Amino acid sequence: MKAKFICPLFVVRDMEVSRKFYENMLGQEVEYDFGENISFRGGFSIHLMSHYASLTGNSDIIFNSNNAELYFESGEINELRDALTLSGVRFVHDIREQPWRQQVMRFYDPDGHIIEVGEPLDYTARRLSGAGMDARGISEAMGVPQQAIDAWLQGQ
């Protein structure tokens, strides 16, 4: 037997607030709107807490648990950070470099779910190349096969 994974789902308190956050702050597009449940083209869904609790028979829903996140990438991470800051979003941390050298930031959505946004890995490779690192060094630093690094540096 096997099951096909479809998408992660976050439970939210206010559908309108959450929908606007994902559409306006992260540029997500709604694929399906079922009222109490919205699926985004990016491959995740949000579900209204009251409806979700009625379906599961369990109203013990914990927000701000810091045990999962949705991951996005943006080639405009600095501009996105500035827009998030202006909108009053609460950050887990500002943009920082990860051990594999990618620049990422983490922040909370309106219900306290962690959202991570990182620069695309090809941007990371080009940034490191621009700082004088050769392809082999980039491959070692990022833990990515050199063939991928070479392709990224050639714009593929």
C-alpha atoms as a PDB file:
ATOM      1  CA  MET A   1       0.000   0.000   0.000  1.00  0.00           C
ATOM      2  CA  LYS A   2       1.111   3.529  -0.567  1.00  0.00           C
ATOM      3  CA  ALA A   3      -0.333   6.999  -0.231  1.00  0.00           C
ATOM      4  CA  LYS A   4       0.382   9.984  -2.439  1.00  0.00           C
ATOM      5  CA  PHE A   5       1.420  13.142  -0.598  1.00  0.00           C
ATOM      6  CA  ILE A   6      -0.669  16.123  -1.711  1.00  0.00           C
ATOM      7  CA  CYS A   7       0.218  19.176   0.392  1.00  0.00           C
ATOM      8  CA  PRO A   8       0.869  20.584   3.865  1.00  0.00           C
ATOM      9  CA  LEU A   9      -1.990  22.405   5.563  1.00  0.00           C
ATOM     10  CA  PHE A  10      -1.880  25.124   8.216  1.00  0.00           C
ATOM     11  CA  VAL A  11      -4.862  25.783  10.472  1.00  0.00           C
ATOM     12  CA  VAL A  12      -5.689  29.507  10.710  1.00  0.00           C
ATOM     13  CA  ARG A  13      -7.893  31.619  12.971  1.00  0.00           C
ATOM     14  CA  ASP A  14      -9.083  34.156  10.381  1.00  0.00           C
ATOM     15  CA  MET A  15      -9.284  33.058   6.757  1.00  0.00           C
ATOM     16  CA  GLU A  16      -9.444  36.583   5.323  1.00  0.00           C
ATOM     17  CA  VAL A  17      -6.386  37.804   7.247  1.00  0.00           C
ATOM     18  CA  SER A  18      -4.356  34.711   6.359  1.00  0.00           C
ATOM     19  CA  ARG A  19      -5.397  34.733   2.721  1.00  0.00           C
ATOM     20  CA  LYS A  20      -4.397  38.388   2.357  1.00  0.00           C
ATOM     21  CA  PHE A  21      -1.045  37.672   4.032  1.00  0.00           C
ATOM     22  CA  TYR A  22      -0.157  34.851   1.650  1.00  0.00           C
ATOM     23  CA  GLU A  23      -1.457  36.672  -1.423  1.00  0.00           C
ATOM     24  CA  ASN A  24      -0.151  40.167  -0.684  1.00  0.00           C
ATOM     25  CA  MET A  25       3.068  39.499   1.220  1.00  0.00           C
ATOM     26  CA  LEU A  26       4.261  36.319  -0.502  1.00  0.00           C
ATOM     27  CA  GLY A  27       2.590  36.644  -3.893  1.00  0.00           C
ATOM     28  CA  GLN A  28       0.731  33.340  -3.645  1.00  0.00           C
ATOM     29  CA  GLU A  29      -2.204  32.630  -5.950  1.00  0.00           C
ATOM     30  CA  VAL A  30      -5.339  30.796  -4.874  1.00  0.00           C
ATOM     31  CA  GLU A  31      -5.965  27.613  -6.820  1.00  0.00           C
ATOM     32  CA  TYR A  32      -9.158  26.545  -5.015  1.00  0.00           C
ATOM     33  CA  ASP A  33     -11.311  28.459  -2.544  1.00  0.00           C
ATOM     34  CA  PHE A  34     -13.710  26.217  -0.635  1.00  0.00           C
ATOM     35  CA  GLY A  35     -14.572  28.877   1.939  1.00  0.00           C
ATOM     36  CA  GLU A  36     -13.203  27.150   5.033  1.00  0.00           C
ATOM     37  CA  ASN A  37     -10.230  25.769   3.089  1.00  0.00           C
ATOM     38  CA  ILE A  38      -8.040  27.476   0.494  1.00  0.00           C
ATOM     39  CA  SER A  39      -5.429  25.743  -1.646  1.00  0.00           C
ATOM     40  CA  PHE A  40      -2.653  27.845  -3.125  1.00  0.00           C
ATOM     41  CA  ARG A  41      -0.928  27.125  -6.431  1.00  0.00           C
ATOM     42  CA  GLY A  42       2.338  26.927  -4.504  1.00  0.00           C
ATOM     43  CA  GLY A  43       1.261  23.561  -3.104  1.00  0.00           C
ATOM     44  CA  PHE A  44      -0.071  24.272   0.382  1.00  0.00           C
ATOM     45  CA  SER A  45      -3.439  24.950   1.994  1.00  0.00           C
ATOM     46  CA  ILE A  46      -4.899  26.906   4.877  1.00  0.00           C
ATOM     47  CA  HIS A  47      -7.956  25.695   6.785  1.00  0.00           C
ATOM     48  CA  LEU A  48     -10.208  27.686   9.102  1.00  0.00           C
ATOM     49  CA  MET A  49      -9.696  26.559  12.705  1.00  0.00           C
ATOM     50  CA  SER A  50     -13.381  26.238  13.641  1.00  0.00           C
ATOM     51  CA  HIS A  51     -14.146  24.089  10.599  1.00  0.00           C
ATOM     52  CA  TYR A  52     -11.003  21.985  10.978  1.00  0.00           C
ATOM     53  CA  ALA A  53     -11.831  21.302  14.634  1.00  0.00           C
ATOM     54  CA  SER A  54     -15.349  20.190  13.677  1.00  0.00           C
ATOM     55  CA  LEU A  55     -13.934  17.767  11.092  1.00  0.00           C
ATOM     56  CA  THR A  56     -11.361  16.239  13.412  1.00  0.00           C
ATOM     57  CA  GLY A  57     -13.455  16.341  16.569  1.00  0.00           C
ATOM     58  CA  ASN A  58     -10.490  17.915  18.341  1.00  0.00           C
ATOM     59  CA  SER A  59     -10.380  21.594  19.247  1.00  0.00           C
ATOM     60  CA  ASP A  60      -6.966  21.314  20.942  1.00  0.00           C
ATOM     61  CA  ILE A  61      -5.122  23.257  18.233  1.00  0.00           C
ATOM     62  CA  ILE A  62      -1.766  24.727  19.249  1.00  0.00           C
ATOM     63  CA  PHE A  63      -0.455  27.846  17.535  1.00  0.00           C
ATOM     64  CA  ASN A  64       3.109  29.207  17.803  1.00  0.00           C
ATOM     65  CA  SER A  65       4.487  25.707  18.314  1.00  0.00           C
ATOM     66  CA  ASN A  66       7.653  26.408  16.271  1.00  0.00           C
ATOM     67  CA  ASN A  67       7.776  22.831  15.017  1.00  0.00           C
ATOM     68  CA  ALA A  68       7.123  23.233  11.284  1.00  0.00           C
ATOM     69  CA  GLU A  69       7.522  25.787   8.533  1.00  0.00           C
ATOM     70  CA  LEU A  70       6.632  26.529   4.952  1.00  0.00           C
ATOM     71  CA  TYR A  71       9.669  27.229   2.771  1.00  0.00           C
ATOM     72  CA  PHE A  72       9.698  29.711  -0.097  1.00  0.00           C
ATOM     73  CA  GLU A  73      12.449  31.173  -2.268  1.00  0.00           C
ATOM     74  CA  SER A  74      12.783  34.706  -3.580  1.00  0.00           C
ATOM     75  CA  GLY A  75      15.348  36.429  -5.720  1.00  0.00           C
ATOM     76  CA  GLU A  76      14.278  39.649  -3.983  1.00  0.00           C
ATOM     77  CA  ILE A  77      14.841  38.587  -0.388  1.00  0.00           C
ATOM     78  CA  ASN A  78      16.043  42.011   0.808  1.00  0.00           C
ATOM     79  CA  GLU A  79      13.080  43.822  -0.718  1.00  0.00           C
ATOM     80  CA  LEU A  80      10.694  41.236   0.731  1.00  0.00           C
ATOM     81  CA  ARG A  81      12.266  41.634   4.165  1.00  0.00           C
ATOM     82  CA  ASP A  82      11.783  45.405   3.952  1.00  0.00           C
ATOM     83  CA  ALA A  83       8.109  44.997   2.972  1.00  0.00           C
ATOM     84  CA  LEU A  84       7.546  42.489   5.784  1.00  0.00           C
ATOM     85  CA  THR A  85       9.187  44.842   8.277  1.00  0.00           C
ATOM     86  CA  LEU A  86       7.007  47.754   7.151  1.00  0.00           C
ATOM     87  CA  SER A  87       3.890  45.601   7.523  1.00  0.00           C
ATOM     88  CA  GLY A  88       4.799  44.734  11.117  1.00  0.00           C
ATOM     89  CA  VAL A  89       5.502  41.038  10.605  1.00  0.00           C
ATOM     90  CA  ARG A  90       7.189  39.387  13.596  1.00  0.00           C
ATOM     91  CA  PHE A  91      10.523  37.815  12.651  1.00  0.00           C
ATOM     92  CA  VAL A  92      12.045  34.632  14.007  1.00  0.00           C
ATOM     93  CA  HIS A  93      15.299  36.061  12.637  1.00  0.00           C
ATOM     94  CA  ASP A  94      16.423  38.518   9.994  1.00  0.00           C
ATOM     95  CA  ILE A  95      18.340  37.457   6.890  1.00  0.00           C
ATOM     96  CA  ARG A  96      21.268  35.291   7.892  1.00  0.00           C
ATOM     97  CA  GLU A  97      23.582  32.863   6.202  1.00  0.00           C
ATOM     98  CA  GLN A  98      22.948  29.166   6.780  1.00  0.00           C
ATOM     99  CA  PRO A  99      25.772  26.590   7.100  1.00  0.00           C
ATOM    100  CA  TRP A 100      25.371  25.796   3.372  1.00  0.00           C
ATOM    101  CA  ARG A 101      25.876  29.547   2.688  1.00  0.00           C
ATOM    102  CA  GLN A 102      22.307  30.325   1.549  1.00  0.00           C
ATOM    103  CA  GLN A 103      20.792  33.588   2.825  1.00  0.00           C
ATOM    104  CA  VAL A 104      17.433  32.991   4.554  1.00  0.00           C
ATOM    105  CA  MET A 105      15.011  34.692   6.917  1.00  0.00           C
ATOM    106  CA  ARG A 106      12.241  33.259   9.046  1.00  0.00           C
ATOM    107  CA  PHE A 107       9.123  35.007  10.274  1.00  0.00           C
ATOM    108  CA  TYR A 108       5.634  34.238  11.526  1.00  0.00           C
ATOM    109  CA  ASP A 109       2.398  34.313   9.566  1.00  0.00           C
ATOM    110  CA  PRO A 110      -0.655  35.866  11.290  1.00  0.00           C
ATOM    111  CA  ASP A 111      -1.265  32.614  13.222  1.00  0.00           C
ATOM    112  CA  GLY A 112       2.304  32.078  14.398  1.00  0.00           C
ATOM    113  CA  HIS A 113       3.311  29.506  11.775  1.00  0.00           C
ATOM    114  CA  ILE A 114       6.941  29.836  10.734  1.00  0.00           C
ATOM    115  CA  ILE A 115       7.616  30.911   7.163  1.00  0.00           C
ATOM    116  CA  GLU A 116      11.139  30.636   5.769  1.00  0.00           C
ATOM    117  CA  VAL A 117      12.217  32.524   2.669  1.00  0.00           C
ATOM    118  CA  GLY A 118      15.628  31.871   1.193  1.00  0.00           C
ATOM    119  CA  GLU A 119      17.486  33.098  -1.825  1.00  0.00           C
ATOM    120  CA  PRO A 120      17.366  30.510  -4.638  1.00  0.00           C
ATOM    121  CA  LEU A 121      20.418  28.253  -4.488  1.00  0.00           C
ATOM    122  CA  ASP A 122      21.575  29.390  -7.917  1.00  0.00           C
ATOM    123  CA  TYR A 123      21.621  32.954  -6.519  1.00  0.00           C
ATOM    124  CA  THR A 124      23.745  31.692  -3.631  1.00  0.00           C
ATOM    125  CA  ALA A 125      26.234  30.145  -6.053  1.00  0.00           C
ATOM    126  CA  ARG A 126      26.451  33.325  -8.126  1.00  0.00           C
ATOM    127  CA  ARG A 127      26.799  35.478  -4.993  1.00  0.00           C
ATOM    128  CA  LEU A 128      29.695  33.331  -3.775  1.00  0.00           C
ATOM    129  CA  SER A 129      31.283  33.403  -7.226  1.00  0.00           C
ATOM    130  CA  GLY A 130      30.987  37.193  -7.251  1.00  0.00           C
ATOM    131  CA  ALA A 131      32.817  37.229  -3.922  1.00  0.00           C
ATOM    132  CA  GLY A 132      35.737  35.402  -5.554  1.00  0.00           C
ATOM    133  CA  MET A 133      35.018  31.759  -4.711  1.00  0.00           C
ATOM    134  CA  ASP A 134      35.647  29.216  -7.487  1.00  0.00           C
ATOM    135  CA  ALA A 135      33.140  26.534  -8.519  1.00  0.00           C
ATOM    136  CA  ARG A 136      34.877  23.784  -6.559  1.00  0.00           C
ATOM    137  CA  GLY A 137      34.915  25.881  -3.400  1.00  0.00           C
ATOM    138  CA  ILE A 138      31.255  26.789  -3.891  1.00  0.00           C
ATOM    139  CA  SER A 139      30.377  23.117  -4.335  1.00  0.00           C
ATOM    140  CA  GLU A 140      32.164  22.203  -1.120  1.00  0.00           C
ATOM    141  CA  ALA A 141      30.716  25.128   0.836  1.00  0.00           C
ATOM    142  CA  MET A 142      27.150  24.487  -0.304  1.00  0.00           C
ATOM    143  CA  GLY A 143      27.241  20.687  -0.370  1.00  0.00           C
ATOM    144  CA  VAL A 144      25.914  20.740  -3.935  1.00  0.00           C
ATOM    145  CA  PRO A 145      27.451  18.688  -6.781  1.00  0.00           C
ATOM    146  CA  GLN A 146      29.880  20.723  -8.853  1.00  0.00           C
ATOM    147  CA  GLN A 147      27.908  19.882 -12.004  1.00  0.00           C
ATOM    148  CA  ALA A 148      24.947  21.848 -10.596  1.00  0.00           C
ATOM    149  CA  ILE A 149      27.216  24.724  -9.554  1.00  0.00           C
ATOM    150  CA  ASP A 150      28.753  24.864 -13.040  1.00  0.00           C
ATOM    151  CA  ALA A 151      25.282  24.964 -14.621  1.00  0.00           C
ATOM    152  CA  TRP A 152      24.107  27.701 -12.248  1.00  0.00           C
ATOM    153  CA  LEU A 153      27.189  29.813 -12.904  1.00  0.00           C
ATOM    154  CA  GLN A 154      26.582  29.450 -16.644  1.00  0.00           C
ATOM    155  CA  GLY A 155      23.011  30.656 -16.152  1.00  0.00           C
ATOM    156  CA  GLN A 156      21.284  27.313 -16.692  1.00  0.00           C
END
